[in-house]
PDB file of N, CA and C in Angstrom:
ATOM      1  N   MET A   1     147.314  88.055 286.302  1.00  0.00           N
ATOM      2  CA  MET A   1     147.426  86.519 286.585  1.00  0.00           C
ATOM      3  C   MET A   1     146.319  86.074 287.379  1.00  0.00           C
ATOM      4  N   THR A   2     145.554  85.074 287.167  1.00  0.00           N
ATOM      5  CA  THR A   2     144.362  84.675 288.000  1.00  0.00           C
ATOM      6  C   THR A   2     144.488  83.224 288.373  1.00  0.00           C
ATOM      7  N   SER A   3     145.652  82.781 288.708  1.00  0.00           N
ATOM      8  CA  SER A   3     145.801  81.760 289.173  1.00  0.00           C
ATOM      9  C   SER A   3     145.370  81.647 290.741  1.00  0.00           C
ATOM     10  N   GLN A   4     144.892  80.748 291.263  1.00  0.00           N
ATOM     11  CA  GLN A   4     144.201  80.699 292.570  1.00  0.00           C
ATOM     12  C   GLN A   4     145.484  80.366 293.414  1.00  0.00           C
ATOM     13  N   GLY A   5     146.753  79.934 293.274  1.00  0.00           N
ATOM     14  CA  GLY A   5     147.570  79.847 293.938  1.00  0.00           C
ATOM     15  C   GLY A   5     148.729  81.050 294.048  1.00  0.00           C
ATOM     16  N   ALA A   6     148.333  81.973 293.199  1.00  0.00           N
ATOM     17  CA  ALA A   6     149.273  83.148 293.179  1.00  0.00           C
ATOM     18  C   ALA A   6     149.526  83.883 294.468  1.00  0.00           C
ATOM     19  N   ILE A   7     150.834  84.253 294.796  1.00  0.00           N
ATOM     20  CA  ILE A   7     151.304  84.882 295.906  1.00  0.00           C
ATOM     21  C   ILE A   7     151.845  86.409 295.461  1.00  0.00           C
ATOM     22  N   ASP A   8     151.272  87.301 296.348  1.00  0.00           N
ATOM     23  CA  ASP A   8     151.732  88.621 296.309  1.00  0.00           C
ATOM     24  C   ASP A   8     152.911  88.985 297.165  1.00  0.00           C
ATOM     25  N   THR A   9     153.911  89.574 296.626  1.00  0.00           N
ATOM     26  CA  THR A   9     155.016  89.988 297.218  1.00  0.00           C
ATOM     27  C   THR A   9     155.312  91.490 297.083  1.00  0.00           C
ATOM     28  N   GLU A  10     155.201  92.027 298.382  1.00  0.00           N
ATOM     29  CA  GLU A  10     155.555  93.568 298.354  1.00  0.00           C
ATOM     30  C   GLU A  10     156.861  93.788 298.066  1.00  0.00           C
ATOM     31  N   LEU A  11     157.253  94.851 297.088  1.00  0.00           N
ATOM     32  CA  LEU A  11     158.625  94.830 296.713  1.00  0.00           C
ATOM     33  C   LEU A  11     159.147  96.400 297.488  1.00  0.00           C
ATOM     34  N   GLY A  12     158.096  97.040 297.696  1.00  0.00           N
ATOM     35  CA  GLY A  12     158.590  98.511 298.351  1.00  0.00           C
ATOM     36  C   GLY A  12     157.398  99.484 298.171  1.00  0.00           C
ATOM     37  N   ILE A  13     157.737 100.649 298.484  1.00  0.00           N
ATOM     38  CA  ILE A  13     156.873 101.650 298.332  1.00  0.00           C
ATOM     39  C   ILE A  13     157.357 102.754 297.093  1.00  0.00           C
ATOM     40  N   LEU A  14     156.454 102.843 296.281  1.00  0.00           N
ATOM     41  CA  LEU A  14     156.718 103.379 294.947  1.00  0.00           C
ATOM     42  C   LEU A  14     156.554 105.178 295.054  1.00  0.00           C
ATOM     43  N   LYS A  15     155.568 105.439 295.922  1.00  0.00           N
ATOM     44  CA  LYS A  15     155.146 106.701 296.007  1.00  0.00           C
ATOM     45  C   LYS A  15     154.295 106.814 297.138  1.00  0.00           C
ATOM     46  N   THR A  16     154.530 108.022 298.073  1.00  0.00           N
ATOM     47  CA  THR A  16     153.767 108.184 299.307  1.00  0.00           C
ATOM     48  C   THR A  16     152.928 109.697 298.911  1.00  0.00           C
ATOM     49  N   GLY A  17     151.794 109.619 299.842  1.00  0.00           N
ATOM     50  CA  GLY A  17     150.901 110.802 299.535  1.00  0.00           C
ATOM     51  C   GLY A  17     150.363 111.083 300.897  1.00  0.00           C
ATOM     52  N   LYS A  18     149.347 112.242 300.962  1.00  0.00           N
ATOM     53  CA  LYS A  18     148.743 112.519 302.108  1.00  0.00           C
ATOM     54  C   LYS A  18     147.479 111.522 302.346  1.00  0.00           C
ATOM     55  N   GLU A  19     146.842 111.153 301.015  1.00  0.00           N
ATOM     56  CA  GLU A  19     145.570 110.185 301.148  1.00  0.00           C
ATOM     57  C   GLU A  19     145.992 108.670 300.926  1.00  0.00           C
ATOM     58  N   ALA A  20     147.232 108.471 300.358  1.00  0.00           N
ATOM     59  CA  ALA A  20     147.344 107.117 299.776  1.00  0.00           C
ATOM     60  C   ALA A  20     148.797 106.921 299.461  1.00  0.00           C
ATOM     61  N   ASP A  21     149.167 105.602 299.579  1.00  0.00           N
ATOM     62  CA  ASP A  21     150.611 105.246 299.368  1.00  0.00           C
ATOM     63  C   ASP A  21     150.442 104.285 298.255  1.00  0.00           C
ATOM     64  N   VAL A  22     151.440 104.060 297.361  1.00  0.00           N
ATOM     65  CA  VAL A  22     151.429 103.232 296.091  1.00  0.00           C
ATOM     66  C   VAL A  22     152.626 102.381 296.134  1.00  0.00           C
ATOM     67  N   PHE A  23     152.086 101.214 296.403  1.00  0.00           N
ATOM     68  CA  PHE A  23     153.469  99.924 296.491  1.00  0.00           C
ATOM     69  C   PHE A  23     153.795  99.347 295.260  1.00  0.00           C
ATOM     70  N   LEU A  24     154.678  98.809 295.082  1.00  0.00           N
ATOM     71  CA  LEU A  24     155.228  97.849 294.104  1.00  0.00           C
ATOM     72  C   LEU A  24     154.847  96.445 294.529  1.00  0.00           C
ATOM     73  N   LEU A  25     154.204  95.648 293.686  1.00  0.00           N
ATOM     74  CA  LEU A  25     154.078  94.345 294.024  1.00  0.00           C
ATOM     75  C   LEU A  25     154.644  93.465 292.803  1.00  0.00           C
ATOM     76  N   GLU A  26     154.896  92.160 293.408  1.00  0.00           N
ATOM     77  CA  GLU A  26     154.886  91.095 292.171  1.00  0.00           C
ATOM     78  C   GLU A  26     154.030  90.010 292.547  1.00  0.00           C
ATOM     79  N   ARG A  27     153.193  89.536 291.683  1.00  0.00           N
ATOM     80  CA  ARG A  27     152.336  88.519 291.806  1.00  0.00           C
ATOM     81  C   ARG A  27     152.765  87.318 290.835  1.00  0.00           C
ATOM     82  N   ALA A  28     153.129  86.240 291.806  1.00  0.00           N
ATOM     83  CA  ALA A  28     153.650  85.039 291.145  1.00  0.00           C
ATOM     84  C   ALA A  28     152.922  83.954 291.603  1.00  0.00           C
ATOM     85  N   ASP A  29     153.004  82.673 290.663  1.00  0.00           N
ATOM     86  CA  ASP A  29     152.226  81.674 290.861  1.00  0.00           C
ATOM     87  C   ASP A  29     153.553  80.554 291.098  1.00  0.00           C
ATOM     88  N   PRO A  30     153.795  80.084 292.349  1.00  0.00           N
ATOM     89  CA  PRO A  30     154.863  79.086 292.735  1.00  0.00           C
ATOM     90  C   PRO A  30     154.928  77.828 291.739  1.00  0.00           C
ATOM     91  N   HIS A  31     153.905  77.507 290.890  1.00  0.00           N
ATOM     92  CA  HIS A  31     153.989  76.585 290.126  1.00  0.00           C
ATOM     93  C   HIS A  31     154.231  76.990 288.710  1.00  0.00           C
ATOM     94  N   ASP A  32     154.345  78.228 288.424  1.00  0.00           N
ATOM     95  CA  ASP A  32     154.721  78.790 287.129  1.00  0.00           C
ATOM     96  C   ASP A  32     155.658  80.028 287.449  1.00  0.00           C
ATOM     97  N   PRO A  33     157.057  79.784 287.653  1.00  0.00           N
ATOM     98  CA  PRO A  33     157.946  80.657 288.207  1.00  0.00           C
ATOM     99  C   PRO A  33     158.200  81.708 286.977  1.00  0.00           C
ATOM    100  N   ASP A  34     157.988  81.500 285.859  1.00  0.00           N
ATOM    101  CA  ASP A  34     158.181  82.318 284.706  1.00  0.00           C
ATOM    102  C   ASP A  34     157.001  83.185 284.332  1.00  0.00           C
ATOM    103  N   GLY A  35     155.822  82.954 285.024  1.00  0.00           N
ATOM    104  CA  GLY A  35     154.788  83.686 284.650  1.00  0.00           C
ATOM    105  C   GLY A  35     154.328  84.951 285.633  1.00  0.00           C
ATOM    106  N   GLY A  36     155.370  85.517 286.538  1.00  0.00           N
ATOM    107  CA  GLY A  36     154.963  86.612 287.454  1.00  0.00           C
ATOM    108  C   GLY A  36     154.686  87.782 286.706  1.00  0.00           C
ATOM    109  N   VAL A  37     154.052  88.776 287.356  1.00  0.00           N
ATOM    110  CA  VAL A  37     153.820  89.948 286.794  1.00  0.00           C
ATOM    111  C   VAL A  37     154.364  91.060 287.872  1.00  0.00           C
ATOM    112  N   ILE A  38     154.607  92.317 287.616  1.00  0.00           N
ATOM    113  CA  ILE A  38     154.775  93.316 288.482  1.00  0.00           C
ATOM    114  C   ILE A  38     153.669  94.425 288.515  1.00  0.00           C
ATOM    115  N   MET A  39     153.471  94.823 289.465  1.00  0.00           N
ATOM    116  CA  MET A  39     152.057  95.759 289.408  1.00  0.00           C
ATOM    117  C   MET A  39     152.120  96.712 290.388  1.00  0.00           C
ATOM    118  N   ALA A  40     151.500  97.846 290.410  1.00  0.00           N
ATOM    119  CA  ALA A  40     151.160  98.633 291.424  1.00  0.00           C
ATOM    120  C   ALA A  40     149.877  98.679 292.337  1.00  0.00           C
ATOM    121  N   ALA A  41     149.919  98.887 293.529  1.00  0.00           N
ATOM    122  CA  ALA A  41     148.784  98.748 294.288  1.00  0.00           C
ATOM    123  C   ALA A  41     148.596  99.940 295.313  1.00  0.00           C
ATOM    124  N   LYS A  42     147.503 100.647 295.133  1.00  0.00           N
ATOM    125  CA  LYS A  42     147.160 102.011 295.799  1.00  0.00           C
ATOM    126  C   LYS A  42     146.600 101.710 297.361  1.00  0.00           C
ATOM    127  N   ARG A  43     146.990 102.064 298.396  1.00  0.00           N
ATOM    128  CA  ARG A  43     146.528 101.778 299.676  1.00  0.00           C
ATOM    129  C   ARG A  43     145.924 103.187 300.201  1.00  0.00           C
ATOM    130  N   TYR A  44     144.865 103.271 300.343  1.00  0.00           N
ATOM    131  CA  TYR A  44     144.336 104.554 301.111  1.00  0.00           C
ATOM    132  C   TYR A  44     144.657 104.681 302.541  1.00  0.00           C
ATOM    133  N   ALA A  45     144.888 105.699 303.208  1.00  0.00           N
ATOM    134  CA  ALA A  45     145.165 105.931 304.530  1.00  0.00           C
ATOM    135  C   ALA A  45     143.746 105.860 305.294  1.00  0.00           C
ATOM    136  N   THR A  46     143.806 105.071 306.386  1.00  0.00           N
ATOM    137  CA  THR A  46     142.600 105.137 307.280  1.00  0.00           C
ATOM    138  C   THR A  46     142.282 106.670 307.906  1.00  0.00           C
ATOM    139  N   PRO A  47     141.002 106.821 308.524  1.00  0.00           N
ATOM    140  CA  PRO A  47     140.823 108.334 308.897  1.00  0.00           C
ATOM    141  C   PRO A  47     141.985 108.328 310.185  1.00  0.00           C
ATOM    142  N   THR A  48     142.272 107.213 310.820  1.00  0.00           N
ATOM    143  CA  THR A  48     143.083 107.255 312.231  1.00  0.00           C
ATOM    144  C   THR A  48     144.525 107.555 311.881  1.00  0.00           C
ATOM    145  N   THR A  49     145.092 107.052 310.729  1.00  0.00           N
ATOM    146  CA  THR A  49     146.267 107.216 310.287  1.00  0.00           C
ATOM    147  C   THR A  49     146.647 108.561 309.101  1.00  0.00           C
ATOM    148  N   ALA A  50     145.647 108.783 308.577  1.00  0.00           N
ATOM    149  CA  ALA A  50     145.753 110.022 307.655  1.00  0.00           C
ATOM    150  C   ALA A  50     146.227 111.208 308.367  1.00  0.00           C
ATOM    151  N   PRO A  51     147.107 111.875 307.897  1.00  0.00           N
ATOM    152  CA  PRO A  51     147.336 113.433 308.453  1.00  0.00           C
ATOM    153  C   PRO A  51     146.264 114.292 308.394  1.00  0.00           C
ATOM    154  N   SER A  52     146.362 115.194 309.774  1.00  0.00           N
ATOM    155  CA  SER A  52     145.183 115.883 310.057  1.00  0.00           C
ATOM    156  C   SER A  52     145.396 117.199 308.971  1.00  0.00           C
ATOM    157  N   THR A  53     144.473 117.811 308.477  1.00  0.00           N
ATOM    158  CA  THR A  53     144.510 119.156 307.808  1.00  0.00           C
ATOM    159  C   THR A  53     144.309 120.001 308.587  1.00  0.00           C
ATOM    160  N   ALA A  54     143.739 120.029 309.689  1.00  0.00           N
ATOM    161  CA  ALA A  54     143.638 121.148 310.661  1.00  0.00           C
ATOM    162  C   ALA A  54     144.880 121.735 311.083  1.00  0.00           C
ATOM    163  N   PRO A  55     145.005 122.969 311.034  1.00  0.00           N
ATOM    164  CA  PRO A  55     146.184 123.601 311.678  1.00  0.00           C
ATOM    165  C   PRO A  55     146.400 123.216 313.146  1.00  0.00           C
ATOM    166  N   PRO A  56     147.667 123.230 313.462  1.00  0.00           N
ATOM    167  CA  PRO A  56     148.005 123.003 314.988  1.00  0.00           C
ATOM    168  C   PRO A  56     147.353 124.024 315.859  1.00  0.00           C
ATOM    169  N   ALA A  57     146.568 123.865 316.989  1.00  0.00           N
ATOM    170  CA  ALA A  57     146.125 124.613 317.990  1.00  0.00           C
ATOM    171  C   ALA A  57     147.392 125.434 318.614  1.00  0.00           C
ATOM    172  N   THR A  58     147.140 126.823 318.806  1.00  0.00           N
ATOM    173  CA  THR A  58     148.061 127.464 319.475  1.00  0.00           C
ATOM    174  C   THR A  58     147.506 127.830 320.911  1.00  0.00           C
ATOM    175  N   PRO A  59     148.844 127.502 321.785  1.00  0.00           N
ATOM    176  CA  PRO A  59     148.180 127.997 323.284  1.00  0.00           C
ATOM    177  C   PRO A  59     147.915 129.399 323.610  1.00  0.00           C
ATOM    178  N   ARG A  60     146.802 129.732 324.403  1.00  0.00           N
ATOM    179  CA  ARG A  60     146.567 131.069 324.628  1.00  0.00           C
ATOM    180  C   ARG A  60     147.219 131.503 325.964  1.00  0.00           C
ATOM    181  N   ALA A  61     147.367 132.682 326.065  1.00  0.00           N
ATOM    182  CA  ALA A  61     147.942 133.124 327.480  1.00  0.00           C
ATOM    183  C   ALA A  61     146.918 133.123 328.440  1.00  0.00           C
ATOM    184  N   ALA A  62     147.279 132.780 329.676  1.00  0.00           N
ATOM    185  CA  ALA A  62     146.292 132.929 330.779  1.00  0.00           C
ATOM    186  C   ALA A  62     146.147 134.234 331.071  1.00  0.00           C
ATOM    187  N   ARG A  63     144.789 134.568 331.516  1.00  0.00           N
ATOM    188  CA  ARG A  63     144.494 135.715 331.869  1.00  0.00           C
ATOM    189  C   ARG A  63     144.283 136.047 333.310  1.00  0.00           C
TER     190      ARG A  63
END
């Protein structure tokens, strides 16, 4: 759909992962209610929201 008035509506999460999530979207034109399409959108996590791959630090005993 290439209408300038198209509106995306997020329908929910389809799949989650370490680096990205896949959402289900409906793109529809309010002037053409029968012309909507369903599609998937992949959103990559930002470095601040992505889970760390480093193992957690273990506390050391005091000497």
